[in-house]
Every structure is written in C-alpha cells, then in structure tokens.
Amino acid sequence: MNFFTLILYSISTVLPANTFTSYTRHASYQSHLFHSSIDRQSDEKYGRGISHISADINEGEIIAYQDGTWYVDGNAVGDGSEPRIRYMLVDTIQIVWTHNCEHGVLNGFDIAIRNGEHEPVVLDQLGSVEVGGVFEIRNEYVQCGPEQVLAKIPTSFDTDREVHVSLARFLPDEEILTG
C-alpha cells in the first residue's frame, strides 16, 4: 500500500458517515498534497484540440465548468448572464478533437458542493471546493461544451454516503474565462 492509498484509506475509514466537519479538519492538513493534483485548462500542459483538457476527461469524473457567459477565441459566448462556475459528474462525452480545435458536448449530472457542515452552494455563487468537501449529485441532467471546462477535480467515492469527496482545493475565481 503506497502513501497516497494509505492517506485515502485512513480518511475514508476513520470518520463516521455524517461527520463533515471532522472530515474536513482531518484532511485539511494534507491539502498541500492534493492541491497540485487538480488538472486545469489554464495549466501549461493543456492547449487546443487533442491537447485540450476535455481529451483528458473520462466518464465518472467531476469537472468544473463555466456557465452564463464565457469566451471562445476572444468572443463572448453563452446566454449573456454573469459568469458562474458549475460542477458536473460526467456521464457521456461526445467530442471530436483535431490538431487545433475541439467540438462537441459533455453530458452529466449537476452537482452541489457541501464544504464541512455548510449548506449546499447556490448555483449563482462561485462555490469554492475544499479538501474533504462533498459533491452531492442532483437529479438534473446538464451539458456543457469543451470550451467551458475549467478543471478536472480529483475525488474519492464514498460508498456509505454515495457521494464524491474532494481530494483538492479549487478556487473558481482564479479560473473564470474572461475576454
């Protein structure tokens, strides 16, 4: 059992099923270990086409994406409302990648975030994700385009509560796409 597996095992087995605060406290001292494990479209390793972050996403993963208004090649796209960050449990990916562009759609389930014992984040708020934060899957099917994807957030699935638990800290205001 390697160090990473040991950490995940100890976090997921030591805490009672409904203890959000102690879970966050227990995991927070390790946040520096997981912070760099978030894959972000803004990272230097990602670009366009087959190098886009959407080519690195699989079904069953959690992503952060920008809704409202976002920018593609400097042009405003979307419904014109204020940008906001939403989260999705990816169900299907229908994207075509070429050497310099990506076209298609990601479908999945809308997600609410619960950090500690706080109420789930409202969709109009940016909603940061903390280590140990719980992603609650909503019964709403959503979709986004590859150009809306901001990040892939590493999680662990908690079978006792049937939720995904964040293994990294994500601050969406650092990732918002602007013109």
N, C-alpha and C. Protein backbone atom coordinates (compact mmCIF):
# COMPACT_ATOMS: atom_id res chain seq x y z
N MET A 1 0.85 -1.16 0.00
CA MET A 1 0.00 0.00 0.00
C MET A 1 0.91 1.24 0.00
N ASN A 2 0.77 2.10 -1.04
CA ASN A 2 1.62 3.28 -1.09
C ASN A 2 1.07 4.39 -0.19
N PHE A 3 1.84 5.47 -0.05
CA PHE A 3 1.48 6.57 0.85
C PHE A 3 0.15 7.18 0.49
N PHE A 4 -0.09 7.43 -0.83
CA PHE A 4 -1.34 8.04 -1.28
C PHE A 4 -2.53 7.15 -0.94
N THR A 5 -2.43 5.86 -1.21
CA THR A 5 -3.51 4.93 -0.90
C THR A 5 -3.76 4.88 0.60
N LEU A 6 -2.69 4.91 1.39
CA LEU A 6 -2.82 4.90 2.84
C LEU A 6 -3.57 6.12 3.34
N ILE A 7 -3.28 7.29 2.80
CA ILE A 7 -3.99 8.51 3.19
C ILE A 7 -5.47 8.37 2.87
N LEU A 8 -5.79 7.97 1.63
CA LEU A 8 -7.18 7.83 1.24
C LEU A 8 -7.90 6.81 2.11
N TYR A 9 -7.24 5.69 2.40
CA TYR A 9 -7.85 4.66 3.22
C TYR A 9 -8.12 5.19 4.62
N SER A 10 -7.16 5.90 5.22
CA SER A 10 -7.34 6.39 6.58
C SER A 10 -8.41 7.46 6.64
N ILE A 11 -8.49 8.32 5.61
CA ILE A 11 -9.51 9.36 5.60
C ILE A 11 -10.89 8.74 5.47
N SER A 12 -11.04 7.76 4.57
CA SER A 12 -12.37 7.24 4.30
C SER A 12 -12.85 6.22 5.32
N THR A 13 -11.98 5.65 6.13
CA THR A 13 -12.45 4.63 7.05
C THR A 13 -12.54 5.07 8.50
N VAL A 14 -11.86 6.14 8.88
CA VAL A 14 -11.81 6.54 10.27
C VAL A 14 -13.05 7.33 10.70
N LEU A 15 -13.65 8.06 9.79
CA LEU A 15 -14.69 9.01 10.17
C LEU A 15 -16.09 8.44 10.05
N PRO A 16 -16.99 8.86 10.96
CA PRO A 16 -18.39 8.43 10.88
C PRO A 16 -19.04 8.96 9.60
N ALA A 17 -20.07 8.29 9.16
CA ALA A 17 -20.69 8.59 7.87
C ALA A 17 -21.19 10.03 7.74
N ASN A 18 -21.69 10.66 8.80
CA ASN A 18 -22.26 12.00 8.68
C ASN A 18 -21.40 13.08 9.31
N THR A 19 -20.13 12.88 9.45
CA THR A 19 -19.26 13.86 10.10
C THR A 19 -18.53 14.66 9.04
N PHE A 20 -19.11 15.81 8.65
CA PHE A 20 -18.49 16.64 7.62
C PHE A 20 -17.34 17.46 8.21
N THR A 21 -17.53 18.06 9.40
CA THR A 21 -16.51 18.95 9.95
C THR A 21 -15.24 18.21 10.29
N SER A 22 -15.34 17.09 10.99
CA SER A 22 -14.12 16.39 11.35
C SER A 22 -13.43 15.84 10.11
N TYR A 23 -14.19 15.47 9.09
CA TYR A 23 -13.59 15.00 7.85
C TYR A 23 -12.74 16.11 7.25
N THR A 24 -13.30 17.33 7.19
CA THR A 24 -12.58 18.46 6.63
C THR A 24 -11.34 18.76 7.47
N ARG A 25 -11.49 18.79 8.79
CA ARG A 25 -10.34 19.08 9.65
C ARG A 25 -9.27 18.01 9.47
N HIS A 26 -9.68 16.76 9.42
CA HIS A 26 -8.72 15.65 9.29
C HIS A 26 -7.95 15.76 7.99
N ALA A 27 -8.63 16.12 6.92
CA ALA A 27 -7.99 16.15 5.61
C ALA A 27 -7.30 17.48 5.31
N SER A 28 -7.67 18.56 6.00
CA SER A 28 -7.16 19.87 5.61
C SER A 28 -5.66 20.00 5.77
N TYR A 29 -5.07 19.36 6.74
CA TYR A 29 -3.63 19.49 6.91
C TYR A 29 -2.87 18.84 5.74
N GLN A 30 -3.56 18.04 4.95
CA GLN A 30 -2.93 17.40 3.81
C GLN A 30 -3.24 18.13 2.50
N SER A 31 -3.91 19.27 2.59
CA SER A 31 -4.36 19.93 1.37
C SER A 31 -3.22 20.26 0.42
N HIS A 32 -2.05 20.56 0.94
CA HIS A 32 -0.93 20.86 0.06
C HIS A 32 -0.53 19.65 -0.79
N LEU A 33 -0.83 18.45 -0.33
CA LEU A 33 -0.51 17.26 -1.11
C LEU A 33 -1.40 17.13 -2.34
N PHE A 34 -2.65 17.56 -2.19
CA PHE A 34 -3.63 17.35 -3.25
C PHE A 34 -3.86 18.57 -4.13
N HIS A 35 -3.49 19.76 -3.67
CA HIS A 35 -3.78 20.99 -4.40
C HIS A 35 -3.23 20.95 -5.82
N SER A 36 -2.04 20.46 -5.98
CA SER A 36 -1.44 20.46 -7.32
C SER A 36 -2.01 19.36 -8.21
N SER A 37 -2.84 18.48 -7.67
CA SER A 37 -3.36 17.38 -8.47
C SER A 37 -4.60 17.75 -9.28
N ILE A 38 -5.08 18.99 -9.15
CA ILE A 38 -6.19 19.43 -9.99
C ILE A 38 -5.64 19.68 -11.38
N ASP A 39 -6.30 19.13 -12.39
CA ASP A 39 -5.95 19.44 -13.77
C ASP A 39 -6.79 20.63 -14.20
N ARG A 40 -6.14 21.68 -14.69
CA ARG A 40 -6.81 22.91 -15.09
C ARG A 40 -6.52 23.20 -16.57
N GLN A 41 -7.52 23.65 -17.28
CA GLN A 41 -7.32 24.03 -18.68
C GLN A 41 -6.25 25.12 -18.76
N SER A 42 -6.15 25.95 -17.73
CA SER A 42 -5.17 27.05 -17.74
C SER A 42 -3.74 26.57 -17.52
N ASP A 43 -3.55 25.28 -17.16
CA ASP A 43 -2.20 24.75 -16.99
C ASP A 43 -1.46 24.77 -18.32
N GLU A 44 -0.15 24.90 -18.26
CA GLU A 44 0.67 24.93 -19.47
C GLU A 44 0.59 23.63 -20.27
N LYS A 45 0.25 22.53 -19.61
CA LYS A 45 0.23 21.26 -20.34
C LYS A 45 -0.98 21.12 -21.26
N TYR A 46 -1.99 21.99 -21.09
CA TYR A 46 -3.18 21.91 -21.93
C TYR A 46 -3.19 23.03 -22.97
N GLY A 47 -3.84 22.73 -24.08
CA GLY A 47 -3.94 23.70 -25.17
C GLY A 47 -5.24 23.50 -25.91
N ARG A 48 -5.15 23.41 -27.23
CA ARG A 48 -6.32 23.23 -28.09
C ARG A 48 -6.29 21.84 -28.71
N GLY A 49 -7.43 21.44 -29.26
CA GLY A 49 -7.53 20.16 -29.94
C GLY A 49 -7.26 18.99 -29.03
N ILE A 50 -6.47 18.04 -29.48
CA ILE A 50 -6.18 16.84 -28.71
C ILE A 50 -5.42 17.16 -27.42
N SER A 51 -4.86 18.36 -27.32
CA SER A 51 -4.17 18.79 -26.10
C SER A 51 -5.11 19.48 -25.11
N HIS A 52 -6.40 19.59 -25.44
CA HIS A 52 -7.38 20.25 -24.58
C HIS A 52 -7.69 19.36 -23.37
N ILE A 53 -8.05 19.97 -22.25
CA ILE A 53 -8.37 19.21 -21.05
C ILE A 53 -9.52 18.23 -21.29
N SER A 54 -10.44 18.56 -22.17
CA SER A 54 -11.59 17.68 -22.43
C SER A 54 -11.14 16.33 -22.98
N ALA A 55 -9.97 16.26 -23.61
CA ALA A 55 -9.45 14.99 -24.12
C ALA A 55 -8.89 14.13 -22.99
N ASP A 56 -8.78 14.71 -21.81
CA ASP A 56 -8.21 14.05 -20.64
C ASP A 56 -9.28 13.66 -19.62
N ILE A 57 -10.56 13.87 -19.97
CA ILE A 57 -11.67 13.61 -19.04
C ILE A 57 -12.33 12.29 -19.38
N ASN A 58 -12.73 11.56 -18.34
CA ASN A 58 -13.42 10.28 -18.51
C ASN A 58 -14.78 10.32 -17.83
N GLU A 59 -15.67 9.44 -18.27
CA GLU A 59 -16.96 9.31 -17.62
C GLU A 59 -16.74 8.97 -16.15
N GLY A 60 -17.58 9.55 -15.28
CA GLY A 60 -17.49 9.28 -13.85
C GLY A 60 -16.61 10.27 -13.09
N GLU A 61 -15.98 11.21 -13.81
CA GLU A 61 -15.14 12.21 -13.15
C GLU A 61 -15.93 13.49 -12.89
N ILE A 62 -15.44 14.29 -11.95
CA ILE A 62 -16.06 15.57 -11.60
C ILE A 62 -15.30 16.67 -12.31
N ILE A 63 -16.05 17.56 -12.97
CA ILE A 63 -15.42 18.71 -13.63
C ILE A 63 -16.06 20.00 -13.13
N ALA A 64 -15.30 21.08 -13.24
CA ALA A 64 -15.81 22.43 -13.02
C ALA A 64 -15.92 23.06 -14.41
N TYR A 65 -17.04 23.73 -14.66
CA TYR A 65 -17.18 24.40 -15.96
C TYR A 65 -17.85 25.76 -15.76
N GLN A 66 -17.61 26.65 -16.72
CA GLN A 66 -18.16 28.00 -16.64
C GLN A 66 -19.48 28.05 -17.38
N ASP A 67 -20.48 28.64 -16.73
CA ASP A 67 -21.81 28.80 -17.29
C ASP A 67 -22.13 30.29 -17.32
N GLY A 68 -23.21 30.66 -17.96
CA GLY A 68 -23.56 32.07 -18.07
C GLY A 68 -22.92 32.64 -19.31
N THR A 69 -21.78 33.31 -19.16
CA THR A 69 -21.02 33.84 -20.27
C THR A 69 -19.58 33.37 -20.14
N TRP A 70 -19.00 32.93 -21.23
CA TRP A 70 -17.59 32.55 -21.28
C TRP A 70 -17.06 33.02 -22.63
N TYR A 71 -15.79 32.83 -22.87
CA TYR A 71 -15.17 33.37 -24.08
C TYR A 71 -14.47 32.28 -24.87
N VAL A 72 -14.67 32.31 -26.18
CA VAL A 72 -14.00 31.39 -27.10
C VAL A 72 -13.29 32.26 -28.14
N ASP A 73 -11.99 32.14 -28.19
CA ASP A 73 -11.17 32.94 -29.11
C ASP A 73 -11.50 34.43 -28.99
N GLY A 74 -11.72 34.91 -27.76
CA GLY A 74 -11.98 36.33 -27.51
C GLY A 74 -13.40 36.77 -27.73
N ASN A 75 -14.29 35.85 -28.13
CA ASN A 75 -15.69 36.20 -28.38
C ASN A 75 -16.57 35.70 -27.25
N ALA A 76 -17.46 36.57 -26.76
CA ALA A 76 -18.40 36.19 -25.70
C ALA A 76 -19.39 35.16 -26.23
N VAL A 77 -19.58 34.11 -25.45
CA VAL A 77 -20.49 33.02 -25.81
C VAL A 77 -21.36 32.74 -24.58
N GLY A 78 -22.55 32.20 -24.80
CA GLY A 78 -23.43 31.86 -23.70
C GLY A 78 -24.67 32.73 -23.72
N ASP A 79 -25.38 32.76 -22.58
CA ASP A 79 -26.65 33.48 -22.53
C ASP A 79 -26.50 34.95 -22.14
N GLY A 80 -25.29 35.44 -21.92
CA GLY A 80 -25.07 36.84 -21.61
C GLY A 80 -25.13 37.18 -20.13
N SER A 81 -25.50 36.22 -19.30
CA SER A 81 -25.57 36.48 -17.86
C SER A 81 -24.17 36.45 -17.24
N GLU A 82 -24.09 36.83 -15.98
CA GLU A 82 -22.80 36.83 -15.27
C GLU A 82 -22.19 35.42 -15.29
N PRO A 83 -20.87 35.34 -15.44
CA PRO A 83 -20.22 34.03 -15.39
C PRO A 83 -20.39 33.39 -14.02
N ARG A 84 -20.59 32.09 -14.00
CA ARG A 84 -20.64 31.34 -12.75
C ARG A 84 -20.04 29.97 -13.00
N ILE A 85 -19.59 29.36 -11.94
CA ILE A 85 -18.98 28.04 -12.03
C ILE A 85 -20.00 27.00 -11.59
N ARG A 86 -20.09 25.96 -12.38
CA ARG A 86 -20.96 24.83 -12.03
C ARG A 86 -20.10 23.58 -12.03
N TYR A 87 -20.63 22.53 -11.44
CA TYR A 87 -19.90 21.26 -11.34
C TYR A 87 -20.76 20.15 -11.90
N MET A 88 -20.09 19.17 -12.52
CA MET A 88 -20.80 18.08 -13.19
C MET A 88 -20.09 16.76 -12.92
N LEU A 89 -20.91 15.72 -12.69
CA LEU A 89 -20.42 14.35 -12.71
C LEU A 89 -20.61 13.89 -14.16
N VAL A 90 -19.52 13.70 -14.88
CA VAL A 90 -19.58 13.41 -16.32
C VAL A 90 -20.17 12.03 -16.55
N ASP A 91 -21.17 12.00 -17.43
CA ASP A 91 -21.85 10.75 -17.78
C ASP A 91 -21.46 10.29 -19.19
N THR A 92 -21.52 11.20 -20.16
CA THR A 92 -21.13 10.86 -21.53
C THR A 92 -20.31 12.01 -22.14
N ILE A 93 -19.42 11.63 -23.04
CA ILE A 93 -18.58 12.61 -23.74
C ILE A 93 -18.76 12.38 -25.23
N GLN A 94 -19.17 13.44 -25.93
CA GLN A 94 -19.33 13.37 -27.38
C GLN A 94 -18.55 14.53 -27.98
N ILE A 95 -17.25 14.34 -28.15
CA ILE A 95 -16.38 15.41 -28.62
C ILE A 95 -15.48 14.88 -29.74
N VAL A 96 -15.25 15.73 -30.73
CA VAL A 96 -14.29 15.45 -31.79
C VAL A 96 -13.13 16.43 -31.60
N TRP A 97 -11.91 15.89 -31.53
CA TRP A 97 -10.72 16.71 -31.37
C TRP A 97 -9.92 16.65 -32.66
N THR A 98 -9.41 17.80 -33.10
CA THR A 98 -8.48 17.83 -34.23
C THR A 98 -7.15 18.36 -33.69
N HIS A 99 -6.25 18.70 -34.57
CA HIS A 99 -4.94 19.19 -34.13
C HIS A 99 -5.04 20.54 -33.41
N ASN A 100 -6.09 21.35 -33.71
CA ASN A 100 -6.17 22.67 -33.07
C ASN A 100 -7.56 23.11 -32.63
N CYS A 101 -8.54 22.20 -32.58
CA CYS A 101 -9.86 22.59 -32.08
C CYS A 101 -10.59 21.37 -31.52
N GLU A 102 -11.64 21.66 -30.79
CA GLU A 102 -12.46 20.63 -30.17
C GLU A 102 -13.93 21.04 -30.29
N HIS A 103 -14.77 20.11 -30.72
CA HIS A 103 -16.19 20.39 -30.91
C HIS A 103 -17.00 19.26 -30.32
N GLY A 104 -18.06 19.61 -29.59
CA GLY A 104 -18.92 18.58 -29.04
C GLY A 104 -19.54 18.99 -27.73
N VAL A 105 -19.86 17.97 -26.93
CA VAL A 105 -20.58 18.22 -25.69
C VAL A 105 -20.23 17.17 -24.64
N LEU A 106 -20.23 17.60 -23.38
CA LEU A 106 -20.12 16.69 -22.24
C LEU A 106 -21.46 16.72 -21.54
N ASN A 107 -22.02 15.55 -21.24
CA ASN A 107 -23.29 15.44 -20.53
C ASN A 107 -23.05 14.83 -19.17
N GLY A 108 -23.87 15.21 -18.21
CA GLY A 108 -23.72 14.63 -16.89
C GLY A 108 -24.72 15.16 -15.90
N PHE A 109 -24.47 14.87 -14.63
CA PHE A 109 -25.38 15.25 -13.57
C PHE A 109 -24.86 16.48 -12.84
N ASP A 110 -25.77 17.42 -12.61
CA ASP A 110 -25.45 18.64 -11.88
C ASP A 110 -25.06 18.28 -10.45
N ILE A 111 -24.17 19.07 -9.88
CA ILE A 111 -23.64 18.77 -8.56
C ILE A 111 -23.73 20.00 -7.66
N ALA A 112 -24.06 19.78 -6.40
CA ALA A 112 -23.98 20.81 -5.36
C ALA A 112 -22.79 20.45 -4.49
N ILE A 113 -22.17 21.49 -3.89
CA ILE A 113 -21.00 21.27 -3.04
C ILE A 113 -21.38 21.53 -1.60
N ARG A 114 -20.89 20.69 -0.71
CA ARG A 114 -21.05 20.92 0.72
C ARG A 114 -19.65 20.85 1.32
N ASN A 115 -19.16 22.01 1.78
CA ASN A 115 -17.87 22.09 2.45
C ASN A 115 -18.12 22.10 3.95
N GLY A 116 -17.71 21.07 4.66
CA GLY A 116 -18.00 20.99 6.09
C GLY A 116 -19.48 20.81 6.30
N GLU A 117 -20.04 21.52 7.28
CA GLU A 117 -21.48 21.40 7.57
C GLU A 117 -22.28 22.49 6.90
N HIS A 118 -21.67 23.26 6.00
CA HIS A 118 -22.36 24.36 5.34
C HIS A 118 -23.46 23.82 4.42
N GLU A 119 -24.43 24.68 4.16
CA GLU A 119 -25.49 24.33 3.22
C GLU A 119 -24.89 24.20 1.82
N PRO A 120 -25.54 23.42 0.96
CA PRO A 120 -25.03 23.31 -0.41
C PRO A 120 -24.92 24.69 -1.08
N VAL A 121 -23.96 24.85 -1.94
CA VAL A 121 -23.73 26.11 -2.63
C VAL A 121 -24.86 26.37 -3.62
N VAL A 122 -25.30 27.62 -3.67
CA VAL A 122 -26.32 28.03 -4.63
C VAL A 122 -25.64 28.22 -5.98
N LEU A 123 -26.33 27.89 -7.06
CA LEU A 123 -25.71 27.92 -8.39
C LEU A 123 -25.21 29.30 -8.80
N ASP A 124 -25.79 30.39 -8.28
CA ASP A 124 -25.35 31.72 -8.67
C ASP A 124 -24.08 32.15 -7.94
N GLN A 125 -23.64 31.38 -6.97
CA GLN A 125 -22.40 31.69 -6.28
C GLN A 125 -21.28 30.92 -6.98
N LEU A 126 -20.03 31.41 -6.76
CA LEU A 126 -18.91 30.73 -7.41
C LEU A 126 -18.65 29.37 -6.79
N GLY A 127 -18.76 29.24 -5.49
CA GLY A 127 -18.63 27.94 -4.85
C GLY A 127 -17.27 27.32 -4.93
N SER A 128 -16.38 27.70 -4.00
CA SER A 128 -15.07 27.07 -3.95
C SER A 128 -15.21 25.66 -3.39
N VAL A 129 -14.23 24.83 -3.68
CA VAL A 129 -14.22 23.45 -3.21
C VAL A 129 -13.06 23.30 -2.25
N GLU A 130 -13.31 22.72 -1.09
CA GLU A 130 -12.28 22.49 -0.09
C GLU A 130 -11.93 21.01 -0.05
N VAL A 131 -10.75 20.70 0.45
CA VAL A 131 -10.38 19.30 0.65
C VAL A 131 -11.39 18.69 1.61
N GLY A 132 -11.94 17.57 1.27
CA GLY A 132 -12.96 16.92 2.09
C GLY A 132 -14.36 17.42 1.81
N GLY A 133 -14.51 18.37 0.89
CA GLY A 133 -15.84 18.85 0.50
C GLY A 133 -16.60 17.73 -0.18
N VAL A 134 -17.90 17.73 0.00
CA VAL A 134 -18.74 16.67 -0.54
C VAL A 134 -19.50 17.18 -1.76
N PHE A 135 -19.43 16.44 -2.85
CA PHE A 135 -20.19 16.74 -4.05
C PHE A 135 -21.48 15.92 -4.00
N GLU A 136 -22.60 16.60 -3.89
CA GLU A 136 -23.90 15.93 -3.85
C GLU A 136 -24.50 15.94 -5.25
N ILE A 137 -24.79 14.79 -5.77
CA ILE A 137 -25.32 14.67 -7.13
C ILE A 137 -26.80 15.01 -7.12
N ARG A 138 -27.18 15.96 -7.97
CA ARG A 138 -28.59 16.36 -8.09
C ARG A 138 -29.24 15.55 -9.20
N ASN A 139 -30.53 15.53 -9.19
CA ASN A 139 -31.28 14.77 -10.18
C ASN A 139 -31.58 15.64 -11.41
N GLU A 140 -30.57 16.38 -11.87
CA GLU A 140 -30.73 17.25 -13.03
C GLU A 140 -29.62 16.94 -14.02
N TYR A 141 -30.01 16.63 -15.25
CA TYR A 141 -29.04 16.32 -16.29
C TYR A 141 -28.65 17.62 -16.99
N VAL A 142 -27.35 17.86 -17.13
CA VAL A 142 -26.84 19.10 -17.72
C VAL A 142 -25.81 18.78 -18.79
N GLN A 143 -25.43 19.80 -19.55
CA GLN A 143 -24.39 19.62 -20.54
C GLN A 143 -23.58 20.89 -20.69
N CYS A 144 -22.37 20.72 -21.18
CA CYS A 144 -21.51 21.87 -21.47
C CYS A 144 -20.63 21.52 -22.65
N GLY A 145 -20.09 22.54 -23.26
CA GLY A 145 -19.16 22.34 -24.37
C GLY A 145 -17.74 22.24 -23.83
N PRO A 146 -16.83 21.69 -24.60
CA PRO A 146 -15.45 21.54 -24.14
C PRO A 146 -14.79 22.87 -23.78
N GLU A 147 -15.17 23.95 -24.47
CA GLU A 147 -14.56 25.25 -24.19
C GLU A 147 -15.00 25.82 -22.83
N GLN A 148 -16.03 25.25 -22.23
CA GLN A 148 -16.49 25.70 -20.91
C GLN A 148 -15.75 25.01 -19.76
N VAL A 149 -15.08 23.91 -20.05
CA VAL A 149 -14.43 23.13 -18.99
C VAL A 149 -13.23 23.90 -18.45
N LEU A 150 -13.21 24.06 -17.13
CA LEU A 150 -12.12 24.77 -16.46
C LEU A 150 -11.16 23.83 -15.77
N ALA A 151 -11.70 22.76 -15.16
CA ALA A 151 -10.84 21.88 -14.37
C ALA A 151 -11.47 20.52 -14.16
N LYS A 152 -10.60 19.56 -13.91
CA LYS A 152 -10.99 18.21 -13.51
C LYS A 152 -10.58 18.08 -12.05
N ILE A 153 -11.53 17.79 -11.16
CA ILE A 153 -11.27 17.79 -9.73
C ILE A 153 -11.15 16.36 -9.22
N PRO A 154 -10.01 16.03 -8.63
CA PRO A 154 -9.84 14.66 -8.11
C PRO A 154 -10.76 14.42 -6.91
N THR A 155 -11.41 13.27 -6.93
CA THR A 155 -12.34 12.91 -5.85
C THR A 155 -12.17 11.45 -5.48
N SER A 156 -12.79 11.12 -4.37
CA SER A 156 -12.88 9.74 -3.93
C SER A 156 -14.37 9.46 -3.73
N PHE A 157 -14.82 8.27 -4.11
CA PHE A 157 -16.24 7.95 -3.98
C PHE A 157 -16.48 7.30 -2.62
N ASP A 158 -17.37 7.89 -1.84
CA ASP A 158 -17.73 7.38 -0.52
C ASP A 158 -19.01 6.54 -0.67
N THR A 159 -18.85 5.24 -0.68
CA THR A 159 -19.99 4.35 -0.93
C THR A 159 -21.01 4.38 0.21
N ASP A 160 -20.58 4.69 1.44
CA ASP A 160 -21.52 4.75 2.55
C ASP A 160 -22.54 5.87 2.37
N ARG A 161 -22.07 7.00 1.83
CA ARG A 161 -22.97 8.15 1.65
C ARG A 161 -23.34 8.35 0.19
N GLU A 162 -22.76 7.58 -0.70
CA GLU A 162 -22.97 7.69 -2.13
C GLU A 162 -22.73 9.11 -2.63
N VAL A 163 -21.59 9.66 -2.25
CA VAL A 163 -21.17 10.98 -2.70
C VAL A 163 -19.70 10.93 -3.10
N HIS A 164 -19.29 11.91 -3.85
CA HIS A 164 -17.88 12.08 -4.18
C HIS A 164 -17.28 13.08 -3.20
N VAL A 165 -16.09 12.80 -2.70
CA VAL A 165 -15.42 13.65 -1.74
C VAL A 165 -14.18 14.24 -2.39
N SER A 166 -14.03 15.57 -2.30
CA SER A 166 -12.92 16.26 -2.94
C SER A 166 -11.59 15.95 -2.28
N LEU A 167 -10.58 15.71 -3.09
CA LEU A 167 -9.23 15.50 -2.61
C LEU A 167 -8.35 16.71 -2.89
N ALA A 168 -8.95 17.82 -3.31
CA ALA A 168 -8.18 19.00 -3.66
C ALA A 168 -8.98 20.26 -3.38
N ARG A 169 -8.29 21.37 -3.29
CA ARG A 169 -8.93 22.67 -3.10
C ARG A 169 -9.01 23.35 -4.45
N PHE A 170 -10.18 23.88 -4.80
CA PHE A 170 -10.39 24.55 -6.08
C PHE A 170 -11.03 25.90 -5.82
N LEU A 171 -10.35 26.96 -6.26
CA LEU A 171 -10.85 28.33 -6.12
C LEU A 171 -11.28 28.82 -7.51
N PRO A 172 -12.58 28.81 -7.80
CA PRO A 172 -13.04 29.10 -9.16
C PRO A 172 -12.77 30.52 -9.63
N ASP A 173 -12.69 31.51 -8.72
CA ASP A 173 -12.46 32.88 -9.19
C ASP A 173 -11.10 33.03 -9.85
N GLU A 174 -10.19 32.07 -9.63
CA GLU A 174 -8.89 32.10 -10.30
C GLU A 174 -8.98 31.56 -11.73
N GLU A 175 -10.06 30.89 -12.06
CA GLU A 175 -10.16 30.19 -13.34
C GLU A 175 -11.15 30.77 -14.34
N ILE A 176 -11.97 31.73 -13.91
CA ILE A 176 -13.02 32.27 -14.79
C ILE A 176 -12.42 32.78 -16.09
N LEU A 177 -13.06 32.40 -17.21
CA LEU A 177 -12.62 32.83 -18.53
C LEU A 177 -13.15 34.23 -18.82
N THR A 178 -12.26 35.13 -19.12
CA THR A 178 -12.66 36.49 -19.48
C THR A 178 -12.10 36.81 -20.86
N GLY A 179 -12.66 37.83 -21.50
CA GLY A 179 -12.28 38.21 -22.85
C GLY A 179 -10.90 38.51 -23.03
